[in-house]
Amino acid sequence: MKILVRLPNWLGDMVMSVGFMHQLSHFFPGAEVSVIAKKGIHELLHFFPPSKHQFIFSKEEYKGIVGTIKFGKMIKRTENFDVFFSLPNSFSVALVGVSTGAKKRIGYKKEMRQILLTDAFAKPEGTHRVEEYVKLLELFADKKAKQIDVSLHHQFSKNEYVVVNINSEALSRRLTVFKAVELLNALKSSLNKKIIFIGAPKEKEFVDTVIAQLHDQSNIENAAGKTSLFQLAEILASARLMLSTDSGPAHFANALGTHTIVLFGAGNENNTAPYNQNLRTIIRLGELSCEPCEKNICVRYDTPQCLERLNSQLISEAVKMHLVV
């Protein structure tokens, strides 16, 4: 059997899909597995289970519906697939599946895409995204999954530094400059380890602003905007600990085996927290009637108070506690 999997488009979601990938040999012993990954996060495949073909989808190269169909036909010329799994829930991804000529096309119902799928299932509610992906296999194969494994394989060794991520794609999940400065001042006053800040190129200015306002800027490295995904993996996997907002890098660090303290504002940790519970600490305010919400911008306050009101000293103490374990 030849299986093609269209992996998710966002860093955190793609990390969570590794649980699905580890299950494939259990559900389909001996199957040949190939994958499609979005350009920009395809470097993550270095740490995934091995696959025969790794197709990289670029929106710039394959524009619109015509480009989507062209991309699928390119895959068809490379290999004839028996099964296509669509992990993103978009119509265009299902269209890629049709264009590949795959005999079976499996995914969840959304955006009327069930007309393009041979096996379309209702998406389970209130399920962690890792389990949501794995459930697709259970529904299609009518078989129970083995114990879920959300781990990325690497050979990096541990070092004595802490990684800090104050960023997030959603404004409701990122720290304000004021809160980030307050938190880092508290952390620096009680921690003598090196701190490495991370972030995407577009987040570098925000990180620069925060660092410039710290009382103590010694023993700090700003890697924001300076790393490839592979280099970021090395930084995260080698850290003793990561302190992060709810974001893709938090999932990345957790799956690489680094204990991750995650500050939750918007977003529901029951659905999207880093999956490995033994390698995570969730910190939530839990005092507001609007928690947790699913909005990318806070609609109740000028700044997300679910993050703004977190006790910086308690967060600093949590970091110290996990460093001595």
C-alpha atoms as a PDB file:
ATOM      1  CA  MET A   1       0.000   0.000   0.000  1.00  0.00           C
ATOM      2  CA  LYS A   2       1.188   3.498  -0.874  1.00  0.00           C
ATOM      3  CA  ILE A   3       0.013   6.255   1.465  1.00  0.00           C
ATOM      4  CA  LEU A   4       0.287  10.017   0.960  1.00  0.00           C
ATOM      5  CA  VAL A   5      -0.279  12.360   3.903  1.00  0.00           C
ATOM      6  CA  ARG A   6      -0.896  16.086   3.532  1.00  0.00           C
ATOM      7  CA  LEU A   7       0.582  17.518   6.728  1.00  0.00           C
ATOM      8  CA  PRO A   8      -0.786  20.655   8.473  1.00  0.00           C
ATOM      9  CA  ASN A   9       0.264  24.170   7.503  1.00  0.00           C
ATOM     10  CA  TRP A  10       1.296  25.641  10.865  1.00  0.00           C
ATOM     11  CA  LEU A  11       4.299  24.761  13.011  1.00  0.00           C
ATOM     12  CA  GLY A  12       2.348  23.719  16.110  1.00  0.00           C
ATOM     13  CA  ASP A  13      -0.179  21.690  14.117  1.00  0.00           C
ATOM     14  CA  MET A  14       2.554  19.981  12.123  1.00  0.00           C
ATOM     15  CA  VAL A  15       4.328  19.002  15.340  1.00  0.00           C
ATOM     16  CA  MET A  16       1.057  17.597  16.684  1.00  0.00           C
ATOM     17  CA  SER A  17       0.616  15.549  13.500  1.00  0.00           C
ATOM     18  CA  VAL A  18       3.717  13.501  14.302  1.00  0.00           C
ATOM     19  CA  GLY A  19       1.458  11.434  16.575  1.00  0.00           C
ATOM     20  CA  PHE A  20      -0.519  10.481  13.454  1.00  0.00           C
ATOM     21  CA  MET A  21       2.670   9.667  11.555  1.00  0.00           C
ATOM     22  CA  HIS A  22       3.963   7.342  14.297  1.00  0.00           C
ATOM     23  CA  GLN A  23       0.651   5.420  14.133  1.00  0.00           C
ATOM     24  CA  LEU A  24       0.782   4.604  10.407  1.00  0.00           C
ATOM     25  CA  SER A  25       2.953   1.494  10.782  1.00  0.00           C
ATOM     26  CA  HIS A  26       0.463   0.208  13.383  1.00  0.00           C
ATOM     27  CA  PHE A  27      -2.573   0.712  11.153  1.00  0.00           C
ATOM     28  CA  PHE A  28      -0.914  -0.215   7.846  1.00  0.00           C
ATOM     29  CA  PRO A  29       2.074  -2.522   8.426  1.00  0.00           C
ATOM     30  CA  GLY A  30       4.531  -2.473   5.520  1.00  0.00           C
ATOM     31  CA  ALA A  31       2.930   0.512   3.799  1.00  0.00           C
ATOM     32  CA  GLU A  32       5.069   3.024   1.907  1.00  0.00           C
ATOM     33  CA  VAL A  33       4.466   6.481   3.325  1.00  0.00           C
ATOM     34  CA  SER A  34       5.038   9.804   1.555  1.00  0.00           C
ATOM     35  CA  VAL A  35       4.182  13.295   2.752  1.00  0.00           C
ATOM     36  CA  ILE A  36       3.282  16.780   1.554  1.00  0.00           C
ATOM     37  CA  ALA A  37       4.553  19.682   3.670  1.00  0.00           C
ATOM     38  CA  LYS A  38       4.158  23.420   3.227  1.00  0.00           C
ATOM     39  CA  LYS A  39       7.268  25.293   2.184  1.00  0.00           C
ATOM     40  CA  GLY A  40       8.664  27.119   5.176  1.00  0.00           C
ATOM     41  CA  ILE A  41       8.024  24.408   7.745  1.00  0.00           C
ATOM     42  CA  HIS A  42       9.196  21.476   5.631  1.00  0.00           C
ATOM     43  CA  GLU A  43      12.527  21.422   7.531  1.00  0.00           C
ATOM     44  CA  LEU A  44      10.562  19.829  10.355  1.00  0.00           C
ATOM     45  CA  LEU A  45      10.575  16.622   8.293  1.00  0.00           C
ATOM     46  CA  HIS A  46      14.216  16.091   9.387  1.00  0.00           C
ATOM     47  CA  PHE A  47      12.796  15.043  12.759  1.00  0.00           C
ATOM     48  CA  PHE A  48       9.776  13.067  11.529  1.00  0.00           C
ATOM     49  CA  PRO A  49       9.546   9.315  10.841  1.00  0.00           C
ATOM     50  CA  PRO A  50      11.184   8.564   7.470  1.00  0.00           C
ATOM     51  CA  SER A  51       9.089   8.855   4.305  1.00  0.00           C
ATOM     52  CA  LYS A  52       9.666   7.779   0.708  1.00  0.00           C
ATOM     53  CA  HIS A  53       8.698  11.058  -1.004  1.00  0.00           C
ATOM     54  CA  GLN A  54       8.633  14.513   0.534  1.00  0.00           C
ATOM     55  CA  PHE A  55       6.627  16.865  -1.669  1.00  0.00           C
ATOM     56  CA  ILE A  56       6.951  20.561  -0.802  1.00  0.00           C
ATOM     57  CA  PHE A  57       3.966  22.782  -1.557  1.00  0.00           C
ATOM     58  CA  SER A  58       4.613  26.463  -2.274  1.00  0.00           C
ATOM     59  CA  LYS A  59       1.686  28.855  -2.759  1.00  0.00           C
ATOM     60  CA  GLU A  60       3.962  31.153  -4.746  1.00  0.00           C
ATOM     61  CA  GLU A  61       4.813  28.383  -7.211  1.00  0.00           C
ATOM     62  CA  TYR A  62       1.375  26.738  -7.341  1.00  0.00           C
ATOM     63  CA  LYS A  63      -1.087  29.639  -7.270  1.00  0.00           C
ATOM     64  CA  GLY A  64      -4.854  29.293  -6.966  1.00  0.00           C
ATOM     65  CA  ILE A  65      -7.023  26.368  -8.004  1.00  0.00           C
ATOM     66  CA  VAL A  66      -5.086  25.834 -11.233  1.00  0.00           C
ATOM     67  CA  GLY A  67      -1.837  25.638  -9.282  1.00  0.00           C
ATOM     68  CA  THR A  68      -3.388  23.256  -6.752  1.00  0.00           C
ATOM     69  CA  ILE A  69      -4.462  20.875  -9.508  1.00  0.00           C
ATOM     70  CA  LYS A  70      -1.072  21.199 -11.215  1.00  0.00           C
ATOM     71  CA  PHE A  71       0.660  20.288  -7.946  1.00  0.00           C
ATOM     72  CA  GLY A  72      -1.520  17.190  -7.505  1.00  0.00           C
ATOM     73  CA  LYS A  73      -0.856  16.062 -11.075  1.00  0.00           C
ATOM     74  CA  MET A  74       2.895  16.483 -10.534  1.00  0.00           C
ATOM     75  CA  ILE A  75       2.606  14.067  -7.621  1.00  0.00           C
ATOM     76  CA  LYS A  76       0.578  11.651  -9.758  1.00  0.00           C
ATOM     77  CA  ARG A  77       3.374  11.536 -12.324  1.00  0.00           C
ATOM     78  CA  THR A  78       5.812  10.629  -9.529  1.00  0.00           C
ATOM     79  CA  GLU A  79       3.808   7.893  -7.810  1.00  0.00           C
ATOM     80  CA  ASN A  80       0.389   6.253  -7.886  1.00  0.00           C
ATOM     81  CA  PHE A  81      -1.033   6.415  -4.364  1.00  0.00           C
ATOM     82  CA  ASP A  82      -3.662   4.152  -2.889  1.00  0.00           C
ATOM     83  CA  VAL A  83      -4.598   6.356   0.062  1.00  0.00           C
ATOM     84  CA  PHE A  84      -4.505  10.111   0.647  1.00  0.00           C
ATOM     85  CA  PHE A  85      -4.971  11.545   4.151  1.00  0.00           C
ATOM     86  CA  SER A  86      -5.940  15.205   4.380  1.00  0.00           C
ATOM     87  CA  LEU A  87      -4.998  16.546   7.814  1.00  0.00           C
ATOM     88  CA  PRO A  88      -5.738  20.232   7.044  1.00  0.00           C
ATOM     89  CA  ASN A  89      -9.482  20.756   6.753  1.00  0.00           C
ATOM     90  CA  SER A  90      -9.488  22.926   3.623  1.00  0.00           C
ATOM     91  CA  PHE A  91     -11.196  22.395   0.272  1.00  0.00           C
ATOM     92  CA  SER A  92      -7.959  23.030  -1.627  1.00  0.00           C
ATOM     93  CA  VAL A  93      -6.131  20.222   0.153  1.00  0.00           C
ATOM     94  CA  ALA A  94      -8.937  17.807  -0.713  1.00  0.00           C
ATOM     95  CA  LEU A  95      -8.606  19.001  -4.319  1.00  0.00           C
ATOM     96  CA  VAL A  96      -4.929  18.068  -4.242  1.00  0.00           C
ATOM     97  CA  GLY A  97      -5.992  14.573  -3.178  1.00  0.00           C
ATOM     98  CA  VAL A  98      -8.322  14.253  -6.174  1.00  0.00           C
ATOM     99  CA  SER A  99      -5.617  15.524  -8.519  1.00  0.00           C
ATOM    100  CA  THR A 100      -3.145  12.892  -7.306  1.00  0.00           C
ATOM    101  CA  GLY A 101      -5.544  10.180  -8.435  1.00  0.00           C
ATOM    102  CA  ALA A 102      -5.449   8.477  -5.035  1.00  0.00           C
ATOM    103  CA  LYS A 103      -8.103   5.757  -4.834  1.00  0.00           C
ATOM    104  CA  LYS A 104      -9.075   6.543  -1.240  1.00  0.00           C
ATOM    105  CA  ARG A 105      -9.168  10.117   0.057  1.00  0.00           C
ATOM    106  CA  ILE A 106      -9.790  10.542   3.771  1.00  0.00           C
ATOM    107  CA  GLY A 107     -10.493  13.617   5.876  1.00  0.00           C
ATOM    108  CA  TYR A 108     -12.940  15.461   8.065  1.00  0.00           C
ATOM    109  CA  LYS A 109     -16.026  17.185   6.693  1.00  0.00           C
ATOM    110  CA  LYS A 110     -15.634  20.937   6.213  1.00  0.00           C
ATOM    111  CA  GLU A 111     -16.069  23.567   3.490  1.00  0.00           C
ATOM    112  CA  MET A 112     -18.198  21.103   1.447  1.00  0.00           C
ATOM    113  CA  ARG A 113     -15.019  19.191   0.684  1.00  0.00           C
ATOM    114  CA  GLN A 114     -16.707  15.849   1.353  1.00  0.00           C
ATOM    115  CA  ILE A 115     -17.655  15.841  -2.326  1.00  0.00           C
ATOM    116  CA  LEU A 116     -13.926  15.392  -3.036  1.00  0.00           C
ATOM    117  CA  LEU A 117     -13.325  12.743  -0.376  1.00  0.00           C
ATOM    118  CA  THR A 118     -14.190   9.063  -0.610  1.00  0.00           C
ATOM    119  CA  ASP A 119     -14.290   8.776   3.188  1.00  0.00           C
ATOM    120  CA  ALA A 120     -15.400  11.933   5.029  1.00  0.00           C
ATOM    121  CA  PHE A 121     -16.010  11.903   8.774  1.00  0.00           C
ATOM    122  CA  ALA A 122     -17.536  14.319  11.266  1.00  0.00           C
ATOM    123  CA  LYS A 123     -14.821  16.084  13.203  1.00  0.00           C
ATOM    124  CA  PRO A 124     -14.838  15.082  16.902  1.00  0.00           C
ATOM    125  CA  GLU A 125     -15.636  17.899  19.326  1.00  0.00           C
ATOM    126  CA  GLY A 126     -13.599  18.833  22.388  1.00  0.00           C
ATOM    127  CA  THR A 127     -10.690  16.583  21.438  1.00  0.00           C
ATOM    128  CA  HIS A 128      -7.010  17.421  21.643  1.00  0.00           C
ATOM    129  CA  ARG A 129      -5.722  18.065  18.141  1.00  0.00           C
ATOM    130  CA  VAL A 130      -3.180  15.251  18.394  1.00  0.00           C
ATOM    131  CA  GLU A 131      -6.015  12.821  19.139  1.00  0.00           C
ATOM    132  CA  GLU A 132      -8.185  14.417  16.458  1.00  0.00           C
ATOM    133  CA  TYR A 133      -5.584  13.513  13.831  1.00  0.00           C
ATOM    134  CA  VAL A 134      -5.184   9.962  15.172  1.00  0.00           C
ATOM    135  CA  LYS A 135      -8.969   9.527  15.335  1.00  0.00           C
ATOM    136  CA  LEU A 136      -9.057   9.906  11.556  1.00  0.00           C
ATOM    137  CA  LEU A 137      -7.044   6.693  11.298  1.00  0.00           C
ATOM    138  CA  GLU A 138      -9.326   4.899  13.748  1.00  0.00           C
ATOM    139  CA  LEU A 139     -12.453   5.950  11.863  1.00  0.00           C
ATOM    140  CA  PHE A 140     -11.083   4.911   8.485  1.00  0.00           C
ATOM    141  CA  ALA A 141      -9.425   1.634   9.510  1.00  0.00           C
ATOM    142  CA  ASP A 142     -11.988   0.682  12.192  1.00  0.00           C
ATOM    143  CA  LYS A 143      -9.147  -0.140  14.548  1.00  0.00           C
ATOM    144  CA  LYS A 144      -7.888   1.272  17.841  1.00  0.00           C
ATOM    145  CA  ALA A 145      -4.680   3.284  17.964  1.00  0.00           C
ATOM    146  CA  LYS A 146      -1.667   2.227  19.992  1.00  0.00           C
ATOM    147  CA  GLN A 147      -0.284   4.545  22.657  1.00  0.00           C
ATOM    148  CA  ILE A 148       0.199   7.944  21.069  1.00  0.00           C
ATOM    149  CA  ASP A 149       3.782   9.111  20.609  1.00  0.00           C
ATOM    150  CA  VAL A 150       4.390  12.805  19.957  1.00  0.00           C
ATOM    151  CA  SER A 151       8.159  12.855  19.749  1.00  0.00           C
ATOM    152  CA  LEU A 152      10.564  14.306  17.221  1.00  0.00           C
ATOM    153  CA  HIS A 153      13.815  12.385  16.793  1.00  0.00           C
ATOM    154  CA  HIS A 154      17.120  14.214  17.168  1.00  0.00           C
ATOM    155  CA  GLN A 155      20.681  13.777  18.432  1.00  0.00           C
ATOM    156  CA  PHE A 156      21.225  17.145  20.111  1.00  0.00           C
ATOM    157  CA  SER A 157      22.641  17.175  23.635  1.00  0.00           C
ATOM    158  CA  LYS A 158      21.474  19.291  26.574  1.00  0.00           C
ATOM    159  CA  ASN A 159      23.072  22.601  27.586  1.00  0.00           C
ATOM    160  CA  GLU A 160      22.585  24.861  30.598  1.00  0.00           C
ATOM    161  CA  TYR A 161      20.408  27.629  29.197  1.00  0.00           C
ATOM    162  CA  VAL A 162      16.748  28.625  29.179  1.00  0.00           C
ATOM    163  CA  VAL A 163      14.797  29.519  26.025  1.00  0.00           C
ATOM    164  CA  VAL A 164      12.170  32.261  26.223  1.00  0.00           C
ATOM    165  CA  ASN A 165       9.433  32.862  23.658  1.00  0.00           C
ATOM    166  CA  ILE A 166       7.198  35.891  24.238  1.00  0.00           C
ATOM    167  CA  ASN A 167       5.644  35.753  20.759  1.00  0.00           C
ATOM    168  CA  SER A 168       2.578  34.203  19.168  1.00  0.00           C
ATOM    169  CA  GLU A 169       0.801  34.545  15.828  1.00  0.00           C
ATOM    170  CA  ALA A 170      -2.319  35.701  17.717  1.00  0.00           C
ATOM    171  CA  LEU A 171      -2.251  38.976  19.677  1.00  0.00           C
ATOM    172  CA  SER A 172      -4.436  37.342  22.334  1.00  0.00           C
ATOM    173  CA  ARG A 173      -1.701  34.771  22.976  1.00  0.00           C
ATOM    174  CA  ARG A 174       1.385  36.996  23.035  1.00  0.00           C
ATOM    175  CA  LEU A 175       2.733  39.043  25.921  1.00  0.00           C
ATOM    176  CA  THR A 176       2.628  42.823  25.813  1.00  0.00           C
ATOM    177  CA  VAL A 177       5.948  44.663  26.029  1.00  0.00           C
ATOM    178  CA  PHE A 178       5.069  45.745  29.581  1.00  0.00           C
ATOM    179  CA  LYS A 179       4.286  42.195  30.741  1.00  0.00           C
ATOM    180  CA  ALA A 180       7.282  40.678  28.985  1.00  0.00           C
ATOM    181  CA  VAL A 181       9.636  43.202  30.601  1.00  0.00           C
ATOM    182  CA  GLU A 182       8.082  42.642  34.032  1.00  0.00           C
ATOM    183  CA  LEU A 183       8.352  38.869  33.693  1.00  0.00           C
ATOM    184  CA  LEU A 184      11.920  38.883  32.380  1.00  0.00           C
ATOM    185  CA  ASN A 185      13.085  41.288  35.084  1.00  0.00           C
ATOM    186  CA  ALA A 186      11.675  38.889  37.687  1.00  0.00           C
ATOM    187  CA  LEU A 187      13.309  35.955  35.951  1.00  0.00           C
ATOM    188  CA  LYS A 188      16.703  37.629  35.601  1.00  0.00           C
ATOM    189  CA  SER A 189      16.774  38.638  39.288  1.00  0.00           C
ATOM    190  CA  SER A 190      16.496  35.009  40.394  1.00  0.00           C
ATOM    191  CA  LEU A 191      18.230  33.107  37.575  1.00  0.00           C
ATOM    192  CA  ASN A 192      21.902  33.036  36.691  1.00  0.00           C
ATOM    193  CA  LYS A 193      21.582  30.915  33.561  1.00  0.00           C
ATOM    194  CA  LYS A 194      21.906  32.157  29.998  1.00  0.00           C
ATOM    195  CA  ILE A 195      18.609  33.125  28.367  1.00  0.00           C
ATOM    196  CA  ILE A 196      18.053  32.751  24.626  1.00  0.00           C
ATOM    197  CA  PHE A 197      15.134  34.629  23.073  1.00  0.00           C
ATOM    198  CA  ILE A 198      13.605  33.152  19.922  1.00  0.00           C
ATOM    199  CA  GLY A 199      11.170  34.459  17.329  1.00  0.00           C
ATOM    200  CA  ALA A 200      10.399  34.731  13.638  1.00  0.00           C
ATOM    201  CA  PRO A 201      11.969  37.533  11.563  1.00  0.00           C
ATOM    202  CA  LYS A 202       8.797  39.631  11.870  1.00  0.00           C
ATOM    203  CA  GLU A 203       8.988  39.275  15.681  1.00  0.00           C
ATOM    204  CA  LYS A 204      12.582  40.466  16.025  1.00  0.00           C
ATOM    205  CA  GLU A 205      11.671  44.123  16.525  1.00  0.00           C
ATOM    206  CA  PHE A 206       9.261  43.207  19.338  1.00  0.00           C
ATOM    207  CA  VAL A 207      11.913  41.084  21.065  1.00  0.00           C
ATOM    208  CA  ASP A 208      14.530  43.850  20.607  1.00  0.00           C
ATOM    209  CA  THR A 209      12.171  46.319  22.284  1.00  0.00           C
ATOM    210  CA  VAL A 210      11.667  44.060  25.292  1.00  0.00           C
ATOM    211  CA  ILE A 211      15.384  43.325  25.765  1.00  0.00           C
ATOM    212  CA  ALA A 212      16.254  47.033  25.524  1.00  0.00           C
ATOM    213  CA  GLN A 213      14.003  47.742  28.523  1.00  0.00           C
ATOM    214  CA  LEU A 214      15.379  45.037  30.843  1.00  0.00           C
ATOM    215  CA  HIS A 215      17.241  46.138  33.977  1.00  0.00           C
ATOM    216  CA  ASP A 216      19.909  43.481  33.369  1.00  0.00           C
ATOM    217  CA  GLN A 217      20.778  42.605  29.776  1.00  0.00           C
ATOM    218  CA  SER A 218      23.769  40.406  30.603  1.00  0.00           C
ATOM    219  CA  ASN A 219      23.917  36.724  29.629  1.00  0.00           C
ATOM    220  CA  ILE A 220      21.137  37.194  27.056  1.00  0.00           C
ATOM    221  CA  GLU A 221      21.215  36.060  23.435  1.00  0.00           C
ATOM    222  CA  ASN A 222      18.627  37.262  20.947  1.00  0.00           C
ATOM    223  CA  ALA A 223      18.157  34.606  18.251  1.00  0.00           C
ATOM    224  CA  ALA A 224      14.867  36.079  16.998  1.00  0.00           C
ATOM    225  CA  GLY A 225      14.865  36.262  13.211  1.00  0.00           C
ATOM    226  CA  LYS A 226      18.262  34.596  12.952  1.00  0.00           C
ATOM    227  CA  THR A 227      17.504  30.879  12.798  1.00  0.00           C
ATOM    228  CA  SER A 228      16.324  28.369  10.268  1.00  0.00           C
ATOM    229  CA  LEU A 229      13.794  25.818  11.501  1.00  0.00           C
ATOM    230  CA  PHE A 230      16.613  23.273  11.826  1.00  0.00           C
ATOM    231  CA  GLN A 231      18.697  25.713  13.901  1.00  0.00           C
ATOM    232  CA  LEU A 232      15.660  26.484  16.048  1.00  0.00           C
ATOM    233  CA  ALA A 233      15.262  22.755  16.671  1.00  0.00           C
ATOM    234  CA  GLU A 234      18.826  22.565  17.966  1.00  0.00           C
ATOM    235  CA  ILE A 235      18.269  25.537  20.303  1.00  0.00           C
ATOM    236  CA  LEU A 236      15.031  24.087  21.676  1.00  0.00           C
ATOM    237  CA  ALA A 237      16.203  20.482  21.984  1.00  0.00           C
ATOM    238  CA  SER A 238      19.420  21.501  23.748  1.00  0.00           C
ATOM    239  CA  ALA A 239      17.770  23.796  26.314  1.00  0.00           C
ATOM    240  CA  ARG A 240      17.261  22.807  29.932  1.00  0.00           C
ATOM    241  CA  LEU A 241      13.856  24.492  29.883  1.00  0.00           C
ATOM    242  CA  MET A 242      11.600  26.628  27.744  1.00  0.00           C
ATOM    243  CA  LEU A 243       9.257  29.384  28.932  1.00  0.00           C
ATOM    244  CA  SER A 244       6.746  30.238  26.230  1.00  0.00           C
ATOM    245  CA  THR A 245       3.400  31.617  25.266  1.00  0.00           C
ATOM    246  CA  ASP A 246       0.887  29.262  23.638  1.00  0.00           C
ATOM    247  CA  SER A 247       2.605  28.955  20.254  1.00  0.00           C
ATOM    248  CA  GLY A 248       4.174  26.650  17.694  1.00  0.00           C
ATOM    249  CA  PRO A 249       7.634  26.751  19.319  1.00  0.00           C
ATOM    250  CA  ALA A 250       6.099  25.508  22.595  1.00  0.00           C
ATOM    251  CA  HIS A 251       4.861  22.383  20.800  1.00  0.00           C
ATOM    252  CA  PHE A 252       8.200  22.069  19.035  1.00  0.00           C
ATOM    253  CA  ALA A 253      10.224  22.142  22.271  1.00  0.00           C
ATOM    254  CA  ASN A 254       7.875  19.726  24.039  1.00  0.00           C
ATOM    255  CA  ALA A 255       8.077  17.168  21.207  1.00  0.00           C
ATOM    256  CA  LEU A 256      11.892  17.518  21.141  1.00  0.00           C
ATOM    257  CA  GLY A 257      12.003  16.467  24.803  1.00  0.00           C
ATOM    258  CA  THR A 258      12.453  19.827  26.551  1.00  0.00           C
ATOM    259  CA  HIS A 259      10.273  20.677  29.530  1.00  0.00           C
ATOM    260  CA  THR A 260       8.076  23.598  28.500  1.00  0.00           C
ATOM    261  CA  ILE A 261       6.283  26.051  30.778  1.00  0.00           C
ATOM    262  CA  VAL A 262       3.400  27.466  28.759  1.00  0.00           C
ATOM    263  CA  LEU A 263       1.517  30.666  29.575  1.00  0.00           C
ATOM    264  CA  PHE A 264      -2.069  30.261  28.403  1.00  0.00           C
ATOM    265  CA  GLY A 265      -4.358  33.178  27.663  1.00  0.00           C
ATOM    266  CA  ALA A 266      -6.702  32.645  24.736  1.00  0.00           C
ATOM    267  CA  GLY A 267      -6.832  29.083  23.481  1.00  0.00           C
ATOM    268  CA  ASN A 268      -7.975  25.970  25.303  1.00  0.00           C
ATOM    269  CA  GLU A 269      -5.162  23.885  26.760  1.00  0.00           C
ATOM    270  CA  ASN A 270      -7.406  20.811  26.676  1.00  0.00           C
ATOM    271  CA  ASN A 271      -7.342  21.004  22.878  1.00  0.00           C
ATOM    272  CA  THR A 272      -4.021  22.579  21.943  1.00  0.00           C
ATOM    273  CA  ALA A 273      -1.508  22.341  24.801  1.00  0.00           C
ATOM    274  CA  PRO A 274       1.835  20.642  24.074  1.00  0.00           C
ATOM    275  CA  TYR A 275       0.895  16.970  24.236  1.00  0.00           C
ATOM    276  CA  ASN A 276       3.569  15.369  26.431  1.00  0.00           C
ATOM    277  CA  GLN A 277       2.229  16.020  29.919  1.00  0.00           C
ATOM    278  CA  ASN A 278       5.416  14.907  31.682  1.00  0.00           C
ATOM    279  CA  LEU A 279       7.300  17.632  29.792  1.00  0.00           C
ATOM    280  CA  ARG A 280       4.938  20.543  30.284  1.00  0.00           C
ATOM    281  CA  THR A 281       3.649  22.935  32.921  1.00  0.00           C
ATOM    282  CA  ILE A 282       0.512  24.916  32.110  1.00  0.00           C
ATOM    283  CA  ILE A 283       0.064  28.305  33.777  1.00  0.00           C
ATOM    284  CA  ARG A 284      -3.313  30.012  33.441  1.00  0.00           C
ATOM    285  CA  LEU A 285      -4.871  32.917  35.351  1.00  0.00           C
ATOM    286  CA  GLY A 286      -8.264  31.228  35.614  1.00  0.00           C
ATOM    287  CA  GLU A 287     -10.004  34.249  37.129  1.00  0.00           C
ATOM    288  CA  LEU A 288     -11.863  35.741  34.155  1.00  0.00           C
ATOM    289  CA  SER A 289     -15.285  34.652  32.945  1.00  0.00           C
ATOM    290  CA  CYS A 290     -14.079  34.864  29.341  1.00  0.00           C
ATOM    291  CA  GLU A 291     -11.321  32.237  29.830  1.00  0.00           C
ATOM    292  CA  PRO A 292     -10.549  30.389  27.700  1.00  0.00           C
ATOM    293  CA  CYS A 293     -11.647  32.070  24.495  1.00  0.00           C
ATOM    294  CA  GLU A 294     -10.729  31.141  20.943  1.00  0.00           C
ATOM    295  CA  LYS A 295     -10.293  34.654  19.580  1.00  0.00           C
ATOM    296  CA  ASN A 296      -7.053  35.885  18.025  1.00  0.00           C
ATOM    297  CA  ILE A 297      -7.656  39.428  19.313  1.00  0.00           C
ATOM    298  CA  CYS A 298      -9.014  40.201  22.772  1.00  0.00           C
ATOM    299  CA  VAL A 299     -12.504  41.684  22.308  1.00  0.00           C
ATOM    300  CA  ARG A 300     -13.121  42.538  25.990  1.00  0.00           C
ATOM    301  CA  TYR A 301      -9.988  44.417  27.056  1.00  0.00           C
ATOM    302  CA  ASP A 302      -7.438  46.686  25.408  1.00  0.00           C
ATOM    303  CA  THR A 303      -4.788  44.045  26.192  1.00  0.00           C
ATOM    304  CA  PRO A 304      -5.360  40.341  27.000  1.00  0.00           C
ATOM    305  CA  GLN A 305      -5.828  40.461  30.782  1.00  0.00           C
ATOM    306  CA  CYS A 306      -5.668  36.658  31.000  1.00  0.00           C
ATOM    307  CA  LEU A 307      -1.924  37.121  30.349  1.00  0.00           C
ATOM    308  CA  GLU A 308      -1.433  40.617  31.754  1.00  0.00           C
ATOM    309  CA  ARG A 309      -2.602  39.611  35.235  1.00  0.00           C
ATOM    310  CA  LEU A 310      -0.385  36.533  35.559  1.00  0.00           C
ATOM    311  CA  ASN A 311       1.921  36.653  38.584  1.00  0.00           C
ATOM    312  CA  SER A 312       5.437  37.123  37.209  1.00  0.00           C
ATOM    313  CA  GLN A 313       7.047  36.085  40.479  1.00  0.00           C
ATOM    314  CA  LEU A 314       5.137  32.792  40.535  1.00  0.00           C
ATOM    315  CA  ILE A 315       6.178  32.122  36.934  1.00  0.00           C
ATOM    316  CA  SER A 316       9.796  32.818  37.854  1.00  0.00           C
ATOM    317  CA  GLU A 317       9.516  30.408  40.786  1.00  0.00           C
ATOM    318  CA  ALA A 318       8.094  27.716  38.479  1.00  0.00           C
ATOM    319  CA  VAL A 319      11.098  28.136  36.176  1.00  0.00           C
ATOM    320  CA  LYS A 320      13.528  27.811  39.098  1.00  0.00           C
ATOM    321  CA  MET A 321      11.728  24.745  40.448  1.00  0.00           C
ATOM    322  CA  HIS A 322      11.981  22.850  37.177  1.00  0.00           C
ATOM    323  CA  LEU A 323      15.640  23.753  36.735  1.00  0.00           C
ATOM    324  CA  VAL A 324      16.573  22.021  39.981  1.00  0.00           C
ATOM    325  CA  VAL A 325      14.633  18.832  39.225  1.00  0.00           C
END
